[in-house]
Amino acid sequence: MTTPIEISESVRHYYGQVLQSSNDLKTSACCSIDAMPNYLKALLSGLHPEVLERFYGCGSPLPPALEGKTVLDLGCGTGRDCYLLSKLVGSSGRVIGVDMTSEQLEVAVRHRDWHAERFGFANVEFLHGHIENLHTVGIADNSIDVVVSNCVINLSPEKPKVLAEIFRVLKPGGELYFSDVFADRRIPVKLRQDPILLGECLGGALYWEDFRRILQDLGCPDVRKVKQNPISLDDPEVFAKIGMVKFDAVTVRAFKVPLEDRCEDFGQVAIYLGTIDQHPHSFELDDHHHFETGRPLRVCGNTADMLARSRYGNHFQVLGDKSSHFGLFDCVPDPHKQTTTTNGACC
């Protein structure tokens, strides 16, 4: 199993034939959601039981401020996140799910009318295709507000193509927000081709630094971690094969916004207005940017642009421009403590 086609077929077989429910998984890689927000947990009760039963994601990659937006879910499976997104974008928004596994898409499509009747509107579309080539399913350039994905990009044998397609279809100012499995090193070729390790989202896990370099080559030099949780390898067979590698489920966000490759200081300040639904008191941009409502926070130029040039712009007041430069941003974030002071919070 050495070609992209062979690897894709192995993944398709694992998710279409081998796995029948989340109980068939051998590791916690695809079920390590630590703290789905309560407002999303409440929405789960309104989804069809079969859709929930065959969910294999590794996080909760559903950002806020989605009302009226067009959201693309890559590797949508049986549609759990698509139906959650359906409620979040509302009747004026649109959700598109893409997946290559016919067996999973059949479940998603079978319950589309059930959800539309329950929600009172229909705004979800499912497309059968490969996430490496979104042209084939008709996703146009600069047409998507937000791209999400839940433990799927690691399954692709051609990850640079997937990420390039994401930035092609995103609108300027659009956001990539996804959860996936990352490794603390480059995984040996033999293990990358192991069918079980691939299907369990381990064999294809990217080394974080390689992921960062791919995005930099695509014109996105500043990518942010939102959450990070270790993955346990509890199955003895899996541990025997790849127990020397440490894996994390990471929620990531990146923006289609021109940014610099370092955090530069322009004396800017950002103030969260508290206007995002379900987030009246604070907003978390990433693991070291905690914006308390109404409290000014010094930010680097990249963070200021992420906020001002994306859909979050209406929810923030960004003070200052780039007419004065003060060098590199003076911050060394503590990964175990979120910043809440005005001393600066950039990476």
Protein backbone atom coordinates (compact mmCIF):
# COMPACT_ATOMS: atom_id res chain seq x y z
CA MET A 1 0.00 0.00 0.00
CA THR A 2 2.18 2.81 -1.31
CA THR A 3 0.15 5.00 -3.67
CA PRO A 4 -2.35 7.72 -2.68
CA ILE A 5 -5.13 5.67 -4.32
CA GLU A 6 -4.26 2.57 -2.30
CA ILE A 7 -4.13 4.56 0.93
CA SER A 8 -7.47 6.23 0.16
CA GLU A 9 -9.04 2.84 -0.54
CA SER A 10 -7.72 1.50 2.76
CA VAL A 11 -9.26 4.43 4.63
CA ARG A 12 -12.52 4.09 2.71
CA HIS A 13 -12.71 0.39 3.61
CA TYR A 14 -11.96 1.04 7.29
CA TYR A 15 -14.66 3.70 7.67
CA GLY A 16 -17.15 2.10 5.30
CA GLN A 17 -16.83 -1.57 6.24
CA VAL A 18 -14.76 -2.14 9.39
CA LEU A 19 -16.20 0.53 11.70
CA GLN A 20 -19.90 0.17 12.38
CA SER A 21 -20.03 2.48 15.40
CA SER A 22 -17.68 4.50 17.60
CA ASN A 23 -17.45 1.46 19.89
CA ASP A 24 -15.30 -0.28 17.25
CA LEU A 25 -12.45 2.22 17.63
CA LYS A 26 -9.22 0.92 19.19
CA THR A 27 -7.87 4.23 20.55
CA SER A 28 -9.12 7.53 21.94
CA ALA A 29 -7.83 9.39 18.87
CA CYS A 30 -11.29 9.74 17.38
CA CYS A 31 -13.31 10.29 20.53
CA SER A 32 -11.22 12.55 22.74
CA ILE A 33 -13.57 15.52 23.02
CA ASP A 34 -12.75 16.96 26.41
CA ALA A 35 -15.13 19.86 26.79
CA MET A 36 -17.68 20.49 24.07
CA PRO A 37 -19.39 23.78 24.97
CA ASN A 38 -22.68 23.32 26.74
CA TYR A 39 -24.64 25.08 24.00
CA LEU A 40 -23.35 22.51 21.48
CA LYS A 41 -24.05 19.60 23.81
CA ALA A 42 -27.64 20.83 24.04
CA LEU A 43 -27.94 20.71 20.24
CA LEU A 44 -26.76 17.08 20.13
CA SER A 45 -30.03 15.93 21.66
CA GLY A 46 -31.81 17.15 18.53
CA LEU A 47 -29.83 14.98 16.12
CA HIS A 48 -30.80 11.55 14.80
CA PRO A 49 -29.38 8.69 16.94
CA GLU A 50 -27.79 6.89 13.96
CA VAL A 51 -25.90 10.04 12.99
CA LEU A 52 -24.50 10.28 16.50
CA GLU A 53 -23.67 6.58 16.76
CA ARG A 54 -21.37 6.63 13.72
CA PHE A 55 -19.38 9.72 14.65
CA TYR A 56 -15.57 9.36 14.65
CA GLY A 57 -14.32 12.90 15.24
CA CYS A 58 -11.57 13.98 17.63
CA GLY A 59 -12.78 17.37 18.83
CA SER A 60 -15.37 20.08 18.53
CA PRO A 61 -14.26 22.18 15.54
CA LEU A 62 -17.27 24.48 15.40
CA PRO A 63 -16.30 28.12 15.90
CA PRO A 64 -18.74 30.86 16.92
CA ALA A 65 -20.24 33.73 14.90
CA LEU A 66 -21.62 31.54 12.08
CA GLU A 67 -25.09 33.02 11.59
CA GLY A 68 -25.82 33.39 7.87
CA LYS A 69 -22.43 32.00 6.79
CA THR A 70 -21.49 29.32 4.27
CA VAL A 71 -19.58 26.53 6.00
CA LEU A 72 -17.78 23.60 4.36
CA ASP A 73 -17.23 20.40 6.38
CA LEU A 74 -14.43 18.25 4.94
CA GLY A 75 -14.84 14.54 5.63
CA CYS A 76 -18.35 15.03 6.97
CA GLY A 77 -19.05 11.31 7.48
CA THR A 78 -22.60 10.69 8.65
CA GLY A 79 -23.17 14.40 9.06
CA ARG A 80 -23.07 15.03 12.80
CA ASP A 81 -21.14 18.30 12.57
CA CYS A 82 -23.08 19.36 9.47
CA TYR A 83 -26.35 19.10 11.33
CA LEU A 84 -24.92 20.98 14.30
CA LEU A 85 -23.70 23.63 11.86
CA SER A 86 -27.16 23.73 10.28
CA LYS A 87 -28.51 25.11 13.54
CA LEU A 88 -25.56 27.47 14.03
CA VAL A 89 -25.71 29.11 10.58
CA GLY A 90 -29.52 29.30 10.69
CA SER A 91 -32.02 29.42 7.86
CA SER A 92 -30.05 32.14 6.05
CA GLY A 93 -26.81 30.13 6.09
CA ARG A 94 -25.58 27.14 4.14
CA VAL A 95 -23.69 23.96 5.08
CA ILE A 96 -21.85 21.74 2.60
CA GLY A 97 -20.50 18.34 3.61
CA VAL A 98 -17.96 16.45 1.47
CA ASP A 99 -16.92 12.83 2.01
CA MET A 100 -15.50 9.97 -0.09
CA THR A 101 -17.14 7.12 1.87
CA SER A 102 -20.47 6.14 0.31
CA GLU A 103 -21.61 4.11 3.32
CA GLN A 104 -21.30 7.09 5.65
CA LEU A 105 -22.81 9.59 3.23
CA GLU A 106 -25.79 7.30 2.78
CA VAL A 107 -26.54 7.66 6.49
CA ALA A 108 -26.13 11.43 6.32
CA VAL A 109 -28.41 11.84 3.32
CA ARG A 110 -31.02 9.41 4.65
CA HIS A 111 -31.66 11.64 7.65
CA ARG A 112 -31.51 15.02 5.89
CA ASP A 113 -35.30 15.39 5.61
CA TRP A 114 -35.69 14.24 9.23
CA HIS A 115 -33.44 17.07 10.42
CA ALA A 116 -35.00 19.64 8.07
CA GLU A 117 -38.44 18.88 9.48
CA ARG A 118 -37.13 19.04 13.04
CA PHE A 119 -35.26 22.33 12.49
CA GLY A 120 -37.91 24.00 10.34
CA PHE A 121 -35.56 24.70 7.42
CA ALA A 122 -33.26 22.86 4.99
CA ASN A 123 -29.76 24.25 4.47
CA VAL A 124 -27.49 21.17 4.31
CA GLU A 125 -26.02 19.62 1.15
CA PHE A 126 -23.87 16.48 0.97
CA LEU A 127 -21.40 15.86 -1.86
CA HIS A 128 -19.54 12.65 -2.69
CA GLY A 129 -15.92 13.42 -3.53
CA HIS A 130 -12.32 13.72 -2.42
CA ILE A 131 -11.21 16.59 -0.22
CA GLU A 132 -7.94 16.78 -2.19
CA ASN A 133 -9.85 18.06 -5.24
CA LEU A 134 -12.88 20.16 -4.39
CA HIS A 135 -13.12 21.34 -8.02
CA THR A 136 -14.72 17.99 -8.87
CA VAL A 137 -17.67 18.65 -6.56
CA GLY A 138 -18.08 22.24 -7.72
CA ILE A 139 -16.67 24.25 -4.81
CA ALA A 140 -15.66 27.56 -6.38
CA ASP A 141 -12.75 29.85 -5.53
CA ASN A 142 -13.37 32.34 -2.70
CA SER A 143 -16.85 30.95 -1.97
CA ILE A 144 -16.66 29.65 1.61
CA ASP A 145 -16.72 31.65 4.85
CA VAL A 146 -15.50 28.88 7.15
CA VAL A 147 -13.95 25.45 6.52
CA VAL A 148 -14.18 22.89 9.31
CA SER A 149 -12.92 19.32 9.57
CA ASN A 150 -13.01 16.79 12.35
CA CYS A 151 -10.17 14.26 12.48
CA VAL A 152 -10.07 13.80 8.71
CA ILE A 153 -7.09 15.66 7.21
CA ASN A 154 -4.75 13.12 8.83
CA LEU A 155 -6.45 10.41 6.73
CA SER A 156 -5.51 12.04 3.43
CA PRO A 157 -2.42 10.72 1.61
CA GLU A 158 -2.00 14.16 0.01
CA LYS A 159 -2.32 16.67 2.83
CA PRO A 160 -0.65 19.62 1.02
CA LYS A 161 -3.31 19.31 -1.69
CA VAL A 162 -6.09 19.34 0.91
CA LEU A 163 -4.73 22.43 2.60
CA ALA A 164 -4.17 24.17 -0.75
CA GLU A 165 -7.79 23.47 -1.70
CA ILE A 166 -8.97 24.90 1.60
CA PHE A 167 -7.23 28.20 1.00
CA ARG A 168 -8.45 28.25 -2.60
CA VAL A 169 -12.12 28.01 -1.64
CA LEU A 170 -11.99 30.29 1.42
CA LYS A 171 -13.09 33.86 0.93
CA PRO A 172 -10.58 36.59 1.86
CA GLY A 173 -10.87 36.85 5.63
CA GLY A 174 -12.26 33.32 5.81
CA GLU A 175 -11.33 30.89 8.56
CA LEU A 176 -10.03 27.33 8.69
CA TYR A 177 -11.06 25.82 12.03
CA PHE A 178 -10.47 22.11 12.53
CA SER A 179 -9.55 19.36 14.97
CA ASP A 180 -7.07 16.65 14.09
CA VAL A 181 -4.39 14.33 15.38
CA PHE A 182 -0.78 15.51 15.39
CA ALA A 183 2.41 13.61 16.21
CA ASP A 184 5.53 14.73 18.07
CA ARG A 185 7.74 13.40 15.24
CA ARG A 186 7.67 12.21 11.64
CA ILE A 187 6.14 8.75 11.53
CA PRO A 188 8.11 6.00 9.69
CA VAL A 189 6.82 5.05 6.23
CA LYS A 190 5.92 1.48 7.24
CA LEU A 191 3.67 2.72 10.04
CA ARG A 192 2.11 5.38 7.82
CA GLN A 193 0.91 2.56 5.58
CA ASP A 194 -0.49 0.30 8.31
CA PRO A 195 -4.27 -0.05 7.68
CA ILE A 196 -5.25 -0.09 11.37
CA LEU A 197 -3.01 2.83 12.32
CA LEU A 198 -4.32 4.78 9.33
CA GLY A 199 -7.94 4.07 10.18
CA GLU A 200 -7.38 4.97 13.83
CA CYS A 201 -6.08 8.42 12.75
CA LEU A 202 -2.53 7.69 13.95
CA GLY A 203 -0.52 6.51 10.94
CA GLY A 204 -1.32 9.61 8.93
CA ALA A 205 -0.89 12.13 11.74
CA LEU A 206 1.26 15.09 10.73
CA TYR A 207 4.29 16.24 12.67
CA TRP A 208 3.22 19.72 13.85
CA GLU A 209 6.27 21.49 12.44
CA ASP A 210 5.67 19.97 9.00
CA PHE A 211 2.05 21.13 9.14
CA ARG A 212 3.22 24.64 10.04
CA ARG A 213 5.64 24.63 7.10
CA ILE A 214 2.95 23.51 4.64
CA LEU A 215 0.72 26.40 5.69
CA GLN A 216 3.61 28.83 5.46
CA ASP A 217 4.23 27.69 1.87
CA LEU A 218 0.54 28.36 1.17
CA GLY A 219 0.85 31.94 2.40
CA CYS A 220 -0.37 31.36 5.94
CA PRO A 221 2.63 31.96 8.23
CA ASP A 222 0.72 32.23 11.50
CA VAL A 223 -1.49 29.33 12.61
CA ARG A 224 -2.92 29.12 16.13
CA LYS A 225 -3.66 26.23 18.49
CA VAL A 226 -6.98 26.59 20.30
CA LYS A 227 -6.96 23.39 22.37
CA GLN A 228 -4.61 20.45 22.75
CA ASN A 229 -5.25 17.12 24.51
CA PRO A 230 -3.09 13.98 24.70
CA ILE A 231 -4.31 10.78 23.09
CA SER A 232 -4.00 7.50 24.97
CA LEU A 233 -2.95 4.33 23.14
CA ASP A 234 -4.88 1.81 25.22
CA ASP A 235 -5.02 -1.03 22.71
CA PRO A 236 -1.99 -3.33 23.22
CA GLU A 237 -1.60 -4.06 19.50
CA VAL A 238 -1.61 -0.36 18.62
CA PHE A 239 0.80 0.51 21.44
CA ALA A 240 3.21 -2.25 20.37
CA LYS A 241 3.39 -0.76 16.90
CA ILE A 242 3.61 2.96 17.59
CA GLY A 243 3.89 3.48 21.34
CA MET A 244 7.10 5.51 20.95
CA VAL A 245 5.15 8.36 19.31
CA LYS A 246 3.18 10.86 21.37
CA PHE A 247 -0.07 12.03 19.81
CA ASP A 248 -2.33 14.98 20.58
CA ALA A 249 -5.78 15.96 19.43
CA VAL A 250 -5.39 19.63 18.52
CA THR A 251 -7.99 22.20 17.54
CA VAL A 252 -6.46 24.68 15.10
CA ARG A 253 -7.52 27.94 13.50
CA ALA A 254 -5.98 29.85 10.62
CA PHE A 255 -7.21 32.76 8.52
CA LYS A 256 -7.00 33.69 4.85
CA VAL A 257 -5.51 37.04 5.78
CA PRO A 258 -2.11 38.52 4.81
CA LEU A 259 0.10 38.06 7.86
CA GLU A 260 3.76 38.32 8.83
CA ASP A 261 5.88 35.34 9.82
CA ARG A 262 6.62 36.83 13.25
CA CYS A 263 4.51 38.66 15.79
CA GLU A 264 5.39 42.33 15.34
CA ASP A 265 4.52 45.14 17.74
CA PHE A 266 2.65 48.15 16.38
CA GLY A 267 1.24 49.31 19.71
CA GLN A 268 -2.22 47.96 18.93
CA VAL A 269 -4.97 47.06 21.38
CA ALA A 270 -8.06 44.87 20.89
CA ILE A 271 -11.27 45.03 22.91
CA TYR A 272 -13.92 42.30 22.74
CA LEU A 273 -17.41 43.78 22.70
CA GLY A 274 -19.20 40.73 24.12
CA THR A 275 -21.55 40.52 21.15
CA ILE A 276 -21.02 36.92 19.98
CA ASP A 277 -23.90 34.63 20.88
CA GLN A 278 -23.05 32.21 23.70
CA HIS A 279 -19.90 34.22 24.50
CA PRO A 280 -21.12 37.27 26.45
CA HIS A 281 -18.25 37.44 28.94
CA SER A 282 -15.15 36.43 26.98
CA PHE A 283 -13.77 35.13 23.69
CA GLU A 284 -10.88 32.70 23.20
CA LEU A 285 -8.97 33.30 19.99
CA ASP A 286 -6.40 30.62 20.82
CA ASP A 287 -4.66 29.02 23.79
CA HIS A 288 -3.03 32.28 24.87
CA HIS A 289 -5.47 34.97 23.77
CA HIS A 290 -8.27 35.31 26.30
CA PHE A 291 -10.34 38.44 25.62
CA GLU A 292 -12.47 39.48 28.57
CA THR A 293 -15.44 41.58 27.46
CA GLY A 294 -14.61 45.27 27.58
CA ARG A 295 -11.03 44.75 28.81
CA PRO A 296 -8.27 46.08 26.49
CA LEU A 297 -5.55 43.61 25.53
CA ARG A 298 -2.32 44.48 23.75
CA VAL A 299 -1.96 42.42 20.58
CA CYS A 300 0.56 41.96 17.80
CA GLY A 301 -0.15 43.05 14.25
CA ASN A 302 -1.12 39.54 13.16
CA THR A 303 -3.68 39.13 15.91
CA ALA A 304 -5.10 42.57 15.18
CA ASP A 305 -5.51 41.62 11.51
CA MET A 306 -7.05 38.22 12.31
CA LEU A 307 -9.71 39.98 14.34
CA ALA A 308 -10.30 43.06 12.20
CA ARG A 309 -10.22 41.41 8.74
CA SER A 310 -12.35 38.35 9.51
CA ARG A 311 -16.00 37.92 10.45
CA TYR A 312 -14.97 38.70 14.03
CA GLY A 313 -14.38 42.32 13.04
CA ASN A 314 -17.89 43.35 14.05
CA HIS A 315 -17.32 41.98 17.53
CA PHE A 316 -14.04 43.74 18.31
CA GLN A 317 -12.71 47.27 18.55
CA VAL A 318 -9.12 47.29 17.35
CA LEU A 319 -7.23 50.46 18.29
CA GLY A 320 -4.13 51.63 16.45
CA ASP A 321 -2.71 51.05 12.99
CA LYS A 322 0.69 50.04 11.61
CA SER A 323 2.16 53.49 11.18
CA SER A 324 4.54 52.97 14.10
CA HIS A 325 6.62 49.84 14.59
CA PHE A 326 8.16 48.84 17.93
CA GLY A 327 9.95 45.63 16.95
CA LEU A 328 9.01 42.08 17.88
CA PHE A 329 6.04 41.68 20.18
CA ASP A 330 7.28 41.34 23.74
CA CYS A 331 5.61 38.17 24.90
CA VAL A 332 6.52 34.68 26.02
CA PRO A 333 3.20 32.89 26.63
CA ASP A 334 2.88 30.35 29.38
CA PRO A 335 1.20 27.32 27.73
CA HIS A 336 -0.38 26.34 31.07
CA LYS A 337 -1.89 29.72 31.83
CA GLN A 338 -4.16 31.85 29.68
CA THR A 339 -3.26 35.52 29.57
CA THR A 340 -5.79 37.94 31.04
CA THR A 341 -3.64 41.01 31.60
CA THR A 342 -2.89 43.93 29.32
CA ASN A 343 0.81 43.06 29.15
CA GLY A 344 0.48 41.39 25.80
CA ALA A 345 -0.62 37.96 24.68
CA CYS A 346 0.88 37.03 21.37
CA CYS A 347 2.81 33.97 20.32
